[in-house]
Amino acid sequence: MSRTVKKLVSEGDANGLIGIAVDGRLGKRERRAAIQALGEMQSRAAVQHLIPLLRSEGVALFTAEALGLIGDGRAAPHLAPLMASPNRVDRTYGELALRRLYVADPDGVRAALDEALE
């Protein structure tokens, strides 16, 4: 973990971590560390910024894990496609994230998935 990410974590600066997570110019290691920190912080403010990263090579699985840790049902319809992936690792991360979401917010997950299927 870089000094910058460590400092932002120690300060509880979710916005700073979001900035690192979404900055495609930065290295994957630093972005992954920021994404993991946002998950551990359970930063609901990060959800809308993390969802697009599910399609970013090199950080997608870390993003799925973080969204699961955050536990916000809004992420459910965006994680569900991982369950249909031909890649076993993608499916596993998607399943774990959705299970965590369901434990944290069962009504939110049901509503989000129902809306996505309409």
N, C-alpha and C. Protein backbone atom coordinates (compact mmCIF):
# COMPACT_ATOMS: atom_id res chain seq x y z
N MET A 1 0.85 -1.18 0.00
CA MET A 1 0.00 0.00 0.00
C MET A 1 0.89 1.24 0.00
N SER A 2 0.58 2.17 -0.88
CA SER A 2 1.39 3.38 -0.98
C SER A 2 1.19 4.27 0.25
N ARG A 3 2.13 5.16 0.44
CA ARG A 3 2.01 6.12 1.55
C ARG A 3 0.76 6.96 1.43
N THR A 4 0.44 7.32 0.19
CA THR A 4 -0.75 8.16 -0.04
C THR A 4 -2.01 7.43 0.41
N VAL A 5 -2.15 6.18 0.00
CA VAL A 5 -3.33 5.40 0.38
C VAL A 5 -3.35 5.20 1.90
N LYS A 6 -2.21 4.89 2.49
CA LYS A 6 -2.15 4.71 3.95
C LYS A 6 -2.59 5.98 4.67
N LYS A 7 -2.13 7.13 4.17
CA LYS A 7 -2.50 8.40 4.79
C LYS A 7 -4.00 8.65 4.68
N LEU A 8 -4.55 8.41 3.49
CA LEU A 8 -5.99 8.62 3.30
C LEU A 8 -6.81 7.67 4.18
N VAL A 9 -6.35 6.44 4.33
CA VAL A 9 -7.04 5.48 5.20
C VAL A 9 -6.99 5.97 6.64
N SER A 10 -5.82 6.40 7.09
CA SER A 10 -5.69 6.85 8.48
C SER A 10 -6.54 8.08 8.76
N GLU A 11 -6.78 8.89 7.73
CA GLU A 11 -7.61 10.08 7.87
C GLU A 11 -9.09 9.79 7.62
N GLY A 12 -9.39 8.57 7.17
CA GLY A 12 -10.77 8.23 6.84
C GLY A 12 -11.29 9.00 5.65
N ASP A 13 -10.40 9.33 4.72
CA ASP A 13 -10.74 10.17 3.57
C ASP A 13 -11.26 9.33 2.41
N ALA A 14 -12.54 9.01 2.43
CA ALA A 14 -13.14 8.19 1.37
C ALA A 14 -13.07 8.90 0.02
N ASN A 15 -13.26 10.20 -0.01
CA ASN A 15 -13.22 10.93 -1.28
C ASN A 15 -11.84 10.85 -1.92
N GLY A 16 -10.81 10.96 -1.12
CA GLY A 16 -9.46 10.82 -1.66
C GLY A 16 -9.20 9.42 -2.20
N LEU A 17 -9.69 8.42 -1.48
CA LEU A 17 -9.54 7.04 -1.94
C LEU A 17 -10.34 6.79 -3.21
N ILE A 18 -11.52 7.37 -3.31
CA ILE A 18 -12.32 7.25 -4.54
C ILE A 18 -11.54 7.84 -5.71
N GLY A 19 -10.92 8.98 -5.50
CA GLY A 19 -10.14 9.62 -6.56
C GLY A 19 -9.04 8.71 -7.07
N ILE A 20 -8.37 8.02 -6.18
CA ILE A 20 -7.31 7.09 -6.58
C ILE A 20 -7.91 5.88 -7.29
N ALA A 21 -8.99 5.35 -6.75
CA ALA A 21 -9.62 4.14 -7.31
C ALA A 21 -10.04 4.34 -8.75
N VAL A 22 -10.57 5.50 -9.07
CA VAL A 22 -11.12 5.72 -10.42
C VAL A 22 -10.10 6.30 -11.40
N ASP A 23 -8.92 6.64 -10.95
CA ASP A 23 -7.92 7.25 -11.82
C ASP A 23 -7.17 6.17 -12.61
N GLY A 24 -7.58 5.95 -13.83
CA GLY A 24 -6.98 4.94 -14.68
C GLY A 24 -5.53 5.20 -15.05
N ARG A 25 -5.02 6.38 -14.76
CA ARG A 25 -3.62 6.68 -15.05
C ARG A 25 -2.68 6.09 -14.00
N LEU A 26 -3.25 5.77 -12.83
CA LEU A 26 -2.43 5.23 -11.74
C LEU A 26 -2.23 3.73 -11.92
N GLY A 27 -1.26 3.20 -11.22
CA GLY A 27 -0.98 1.78 -11.29
C GLY A 27 -2.07 0.95 -10.64
N LYS A 28 -2.19 -0.29 -11.11
CA LYS A 28 -3.23 -1.19 -10.58
C LYS A 28 -3.05 -1.43 -9.09
N ARG A 29 -1.83 -1.56 -8.63
CA ARG A 29 -1.58 -1.84 -7.22
C ARG A 29 -2.16 -0.75 -6.32
N GLU A 30 -1.91 0.50 -6.69
CA GLU A 30 -2.41 1.62 -5.88
C GLU A 30 -3.94 1.71 -5.95
N ARG A 31 -4.48 1.51 -7.15
CA ARG A 31 -5.94 1.55 -7.31
C ARG A 31 -6.59 0.41 -6.52
N ARG A 32 -6.00 -0.78 -6.58
CA ARG A 32 -6.55 -1.92 -5.84
C ARG A 32 -6.54 -1.65 -4.33
N ALA A 33 -5.45 -1.07 -3.85
CA ALA A 33 -5.36 -0.77 -2.42
C ALA A 33 -6.45 0.22 -2.00
N ALA A 34 -6.70 1.22 -2.84
CA ALA A 34 -7.74 2.20 -2.53
C ALA A 34 -9.12 1.55 -2.55
N ILE A 35 -9.35 0.67 -3.53
CA ILE A 35 -10.63 -0.02 -3.64
C ILE A 35 -10.86 -0.91 -2.42
N GLN A 36 -9.83 -1.66 -2.04
CA GLN A 36 -9.94 -2.52 -0.85
C GLN A 36 -10.22 -1.69 0.40
N ALA A 37 -9.55 -0.56 0.53
CA ALA A 37 -9.75 0.30 1.69
C ALA A 37 -11.18 0.82 1.74
N LEU A 38 -11.73 1.19 0.60
CA LEU A 38 -13.12 1.67 0.56
C LEU A 38 -14.08 0.56 1.00
N GLY A 39 -13.80 -0.67 0.60
CA GLY A 39 -14.62 -1.79 1.04
C GLY A 39 -14.53 -2.00 2.53
N GLU A 40 -13.32 -1.97 3.05
CA GLU A 40 -13.12 -2.16 4.49
C GLU A 40 -13.75 -1.03 5.30
N MET A 41 -13.76 0.18 4.73
CA MET A 41 -14.39 1.32 5.40
C MET A 41 -15.91 1.27 5.27
N GLN A 42 -16.40 0.38 4.41
CA GLN A 42 -17.82 0.27 4.11
C GLN A 42 -18.39 1.63 3.67
N SER A 43 -17.67 2.24 2.74
CA SER A 43 -18.03 3.57 2.26
C SER A 43 -19.17 3.50 1.24
N ARG A 44 -20.38 3.79 1.70
CA ARG A 44 -21.53 3.80 0.79
C ARG A 44 -21.40 4.91 -0.24
N ALA A 45 -20.68 5.97 0.09
CA ALA A 45 -20.47 7.05 -0.87
C ALA A 45 -19.65 6.59 -2.07
N ALA A 46 -18.91 5.51 -1.91
CA ALA A 46 -18.06 5.01 -2.99
C ALA A 46 -18.81 4.14 -3.99
N VAL A 47 -19.97 3.64 -3.63
CA VAL A 47 -20.67 2.65 -4.47
C VAL A 47 -20.85 3.14 -5.90
N GLN A 48 -21.39 4.32 -6.08
CA GLN A 48 -21.65 4.83 -7.44
C GLN A 48 -20.37 4.99 -8.25
N HIS A 49 -19.24 5.20 -7.58
CA HIS A 49 -17.96 5.36 -8.26
C HIS A 49 -17.31 4.01 -8.56
N LEU A 50 -17.59 3.03 -7.71
CA LEU A 50 -16.99 1.70 -7.88
C LEU A 50 -17.70 0.87 -8.95
N ILE A 51 -19.00 1.04 -9.09
CA ILE A 51 -19.76 0.21 -10.02
C ILE A 51 -19.14 0.20 -11.43
N PRO A 52 -18.77 1.34 -12.01
CA PRO A 52 -18.16 1.29 -13.35
C PRO A 52 -16.84 0.52 -13.40
N LEU A 53 -16.18 0.39 -12.26
CA LEU A 53 -14.89 -0.31 -12.21
C LEU A 53 -15.05 -1.82 -12.33
N LEU A 54 -16.29 -2.31 -12.24
CA LEU A 54 -16.53 -3.74 -12.45
C LEU A 54 -16.18 -4.14 -13.88
N ARG A 55 -16.07 -3.17 -14.77
CA ARG A 55 -15.71 -3.44 -16.18
C ARG A 55 -14.27 -3.06 -16.48
N SER A 56 -13.49 -2.76 -15.46
CA SER A 56 -12.10 -2.32 -15.67
C SER A 56 -11.13 -3.47 -15.41
N GLU A 57 -10.38 -3.78 -16.41
CA GLU A 57 -9.41 -4.87 -16.30
C GLU A 57 -8.40 -4.56 -15.19
N GLY A 58 -8.12 -5.55 -14.40
CA GLY A 58 -7.11 -5.41 -13.36
C GLY A 58 -7.64 -4.99 -12.00
N VAL A 59 -8.85 -4.42 -11.97
CA VAL A 59 -9.41 -4.00 -10.68
C VAL A 59 -10.83 -4.52 -10.46
N ALA A 60 -11.39 -5.19 -11.44
CA ALA A 60 -12.80 -5.61 -11.37
C ALA A 60 -13.08 -6.54 -10.19
N LEU A 61 -12.25 -7.53 -9.97
CA LEU A 61 -12.52 -8.48 -8.89
C LEU A 61 -12.34 -7.82 -7.52
N PHE A 62 -11.38 -6.93 -7.41
CA PHE A 62 -11.21 -6.18 -6.16
C PHE A 62 -12.43 -5.30 -5.91
N THR A 63 -12.98 -4.77 -7.00
CA THR A 63 -14.17 -3.93 -6.91
C THR A 63 -15.37 -4.75 -6.45
N ALA A 64 -15.55 -5.94 -7.02
CA ALA A 64 -16.65 -6.82 -6.60
C ALA A 64 -16.55 -7.13 -5.12
N GLU A 65 -15.35 -7.45 -4.68
CA GLU A 65 -15.16 -7.76 -3.26
C GLU A 65 -15.49 -6.54 -2.39
N ALA A 66 -15.03 -5.36 -2.80
CA ALA A 66 -15.29 -4.14 -2.03
C ALA A 66 -16.78 -3.85 -1.97
N LEU A 67 -17.47 -3.99 -3.09
CA LEU A 67 -18.91 -3.73 -3.10
C LEU A 67 -19.64 -4.70 -2.17
N GLY A 68 -19.20 -5.93 -2.13
CA GLY A 68 -19.79 -6.89 -1.21
C GLY A 68 -19.57 -6.48 0.24
N LEU A 69 -18.37 -6.01 0.55
CA LEU A 69 -18.07 -5.58 1.92
C LEU A 69 -18.88 -4.34 2.31
N ILE A 70 -19.09 -3.45 1.36
CA ILE A 70 -19.84 -2.23 1.65
C ILE A 70 -21.28 -2.57 2.00
N GLY A 71 -21.85 -3.54 1.30
CA GLY A 71 -23.17 -4.03 1.66
C GLY A 71 -24.33 -3.16 1.22
N ASP A 72 -24.17 -2.44 0.13
CA ASP A 72 -25.23 -1.57 -0.38
C ASP A 72 -25.92 -2.29 -1.54
N GLY A 73 -27.22 -2.55 -1.39
CA GLY A 73 -27.98 -3.28 -2.38
C GLY A 73 -27.99 -2.68 -3.77
N ARG A 74 -27.67 -1.38 -3.89
CA ARG A 74 -27.63 -0.75 -5.23
C ARG A 74 -26.63 -1.43 -6.16
N ALA A 75 -25.66 -2.13 -5.59
CA ALA A 75 -24.63 -2.77 -6.41
C ALA A 75 -25.10 -4.11 -6.99
N ALA A 76 -26.16 -4.67 -6.44
CA ALA A 76 -26.59 -6.02 -6.82
C ALA A 76 -26.79 -6.22 -8.32
N PRO A 77 -27.54 -5.36 -9.01
CA PRO A 77 -27.74 -5.62 -10.44
C PRO A 77 -26.47 -5.52 -11.27
N HIS A 78 -25.46 -4.85 -10.74
CA HIS A 78 -24.20 -4.70 -11.45
C HIS A 78 -23.27 -5.88 -11.18
N LEU A 79 -23.48 -6.53 -10.05
CA LEU A 79 -22.69 -7.72 -9.71
C LEU A 79 -23.28 -8.98 -10.33
N ALA A 80 -24.58 -8.99 -10.54
CA ALA A 80 -25.26 -10.19 -11.04
C ALA A 80 -24.67 -10.72 -12.35
N PRO A 81 -24.25 -9.88 -13.31
CA PRO A 81 -23.68 -10.43 -14.54
C PRO A 81 -22.43 -11.27 -14.32
N LEU A 82 -21.72 -11.04 -13.23
CA LEU A 82 -20.54 -11.87 -12.96
C LEU A 82 -20.93 -13.33 -12.79
N MET A 83 -22.15 -13.56 -12.33
CA MET A 83 -22.62 -14.93 -12.11
C MET A 83 -22.76 -15.69 -13.43
N ALA A 84 -22.89 -14.99 -14.53
CA ALA A 84 -23.04 -15.63 -15.84
C ALA A 84 -21.72 -15.69 -16.61
N SER A 85 -20.66 -15.24 -16.00
CA SER A 85 -19.36 -15.22 -16.68
C SER A 85 -18.86 -16.65 -16.94
N PRO A 86 -18.21 -16.85 -18.07
CA PRO A 86 -17.61 -18.17 -18.31
C PRO A 86 -16.38 -18.41 -17.43
N ASN A 87 -15.88 -17.35 -16.84
CA ASN A 87 -14.70 -17.43 -15.99
C ASN A 87 -15.10 -17.81 -14.56
N ARG A 88 -14.57 -18.92 -14.06
CA ARG A 88 -14.93 -19.42 -12.73
C ARG A 88 -14.56 -18.42 -11.62
N VAL A 89 -13.44 -17.74 -11.76
CA VAL A 89 -13.02 -16.77 -10.74
C VAL A 89 -14.00 -15.61 -10.69
N ASP A 90 -14.42 -15.11 -11.85
CA ASP A 90 -15.41 -14.04 -11.89
C ASP A 90 -16.70 -14.48 -11.20
N ARG A 91 -17.14 -15.69 -11.52
CA ARG A 91 -18.38 -16.21 -10.92
C ARG A 91 -18.24 -16.31 -9.40
N THR A 92 -17.10 -16.78 -8.94
CA THR A 92 -16.88 -16.93 -7.49
C THR A 92 -16.91 -15.57 -6.79
N TYR A 93 -16.21 -14.58 -7.34
CA TYR A 93 -16.21 -13.25 -6.74
C TYR A 93 -17.61 -12.63 -6.77
N GLY A 94 -18.32 -12.82 -7.88
CA GLY A 94 -19.68 -12.31 -7.99
C GLY A 94 -20.60 -12.94 -6.95
N GLU A 95 -20.48 -14.25 -6.80
CA GLU A 95 -21.32 -14.95 -5.83
C GLU A 95 -21.01 -14.49 -4.40
N LEU A 96 -19.74 -14.40 -4.06
CA LEU A 96 -19.38 -13.96 -2.70
C LEU A 96 -19.87 -12.55 -2.43
N ALA A 97 -19.71 -11.66 -3.41
CA ALA A 97 -20.15 -10.28 -3.23
C ALA A 97 -21.66 -10.22 -3.05
N LEU A 98 -22.40 -10.96 -3.88
CA LEU A 98 -23.86 -10.94 -3.76
C LEU A 98 -24.32 -11.56 -2.44
N ARG A 99 -23.64 -12.58 -1.97
CA ARG A 99 -23.99 -13.17 -0.66
C ARG A 99 -23.80 -12.15 0.46
N ARG A 100 -22.67 -11.44 0.40
CA ARG A 100 -22.42 -10.41 1.43
C ARG A 100 -23.47 -9.31 1.36
N LEU A 101 -23.80 -8.91 0.15
CA LEU A 101 -24.83 -7.87 -0.02
C LEU A 101 -26.16 -8.35 0.56
N TYR A 102 -26.50 -9.58 0.26
CA TYR A 102 -27.79 -10.11 0.72
C TYR A 102 -27.86 -10.17 2.24
N VAL A 103 -26.76 -10.53 2.87
CA VAL A 103 -26.73 -10.56 4.34
C VAL A 103 -26.90 -9.16 4.90
N ALA A 104 -26.25 -8.19 4.28
CA ALA A 104 -26.29 -6.81 4.77
C ALA A 104 -27.60 -6.10 4.45
N ASP A 105 -28.17 -6.39 3.29
CA ASP A 105 -29.33 -5.63 2.82
C ASP A 105 -30.24 -6.51 1.96
N PRO A 106 -30.91 -7.52 2.56
CA PRO A 106 -31.71 -8.44 1.75
C PRO A 106 -32.82 -7.75 0.96
N ASP A 107 -33.50 -6.79 1.58
CA ASP A 107 -34.58 -6.10 0.87
C ASP A 107 -34.04 -5.26 -0.28
N GLY A 108 -32.92 -4.60 -0.04
CA GLY A 108 -32.31 -3.78 -1.09
C GLY A 108 -31.84 -4.62 -2.26
N VAL A 109 -31.28 -5.79 -1.98
CA VAL A 109 -30.82 -6.68 -3.05
C VAL A 109 -32.01 -7.19 -3.85
N ARG A 110 -33.06 -7.62 -3.16
CA ARG A 110 -34.26 -8.10 -3.87
C ARG A 110 -34.84 -7.01 -4.76
N ALA A 111 -34.97 -5.81 -4.22
CA ALA A 111 -35.55 -4.70 -4.98
C ALA A 111 -34.68 -4.35 -6.19
N ALA A 112 -33.38 -4.30 -5.99
CA ALA A 112 -32.48 -3.94 -7.08
C ALA A 112 -32.49 -5.00 -8.18
N LEU A 113 -32.52 -6.27 -7.79
CA LEU A 113 -32.55 -7.33 -8.80
C LEU A 113 -33.90 -7.37 -9.51
N ASP A 114 -34.98 -7.16 -8.78
CA ASP A 114 -36.30 -7.11 -9.42
C ASP A 114 -36.36 -6.00 -10.45
N GLU A 115 -35.84 -4.84 -10.08
CA GLU A 115 -35.84 -3.69 -10.98
C GLU A 115 -34.98 -3.96 -12.21
N ALA A 116 -33.86 -4.62 -12.01
CA ALA A 116 -32.95 -4.90 -13.12
C ALA A 116 -33.57 -5.91 -14.09
N LEU A 117 -34.42 -6.79 -13.58
CA LEU A 117 -35.02 -7.83 -14.42
C LEU A 117 -36.28 -7.36 -15.13
N GLU A 118 -36.79 -6.19 -14.78
CA GLU A 118 -38.02 -5.67 -15.43
C GLU A 118 -37.76 -5.21 -16.83
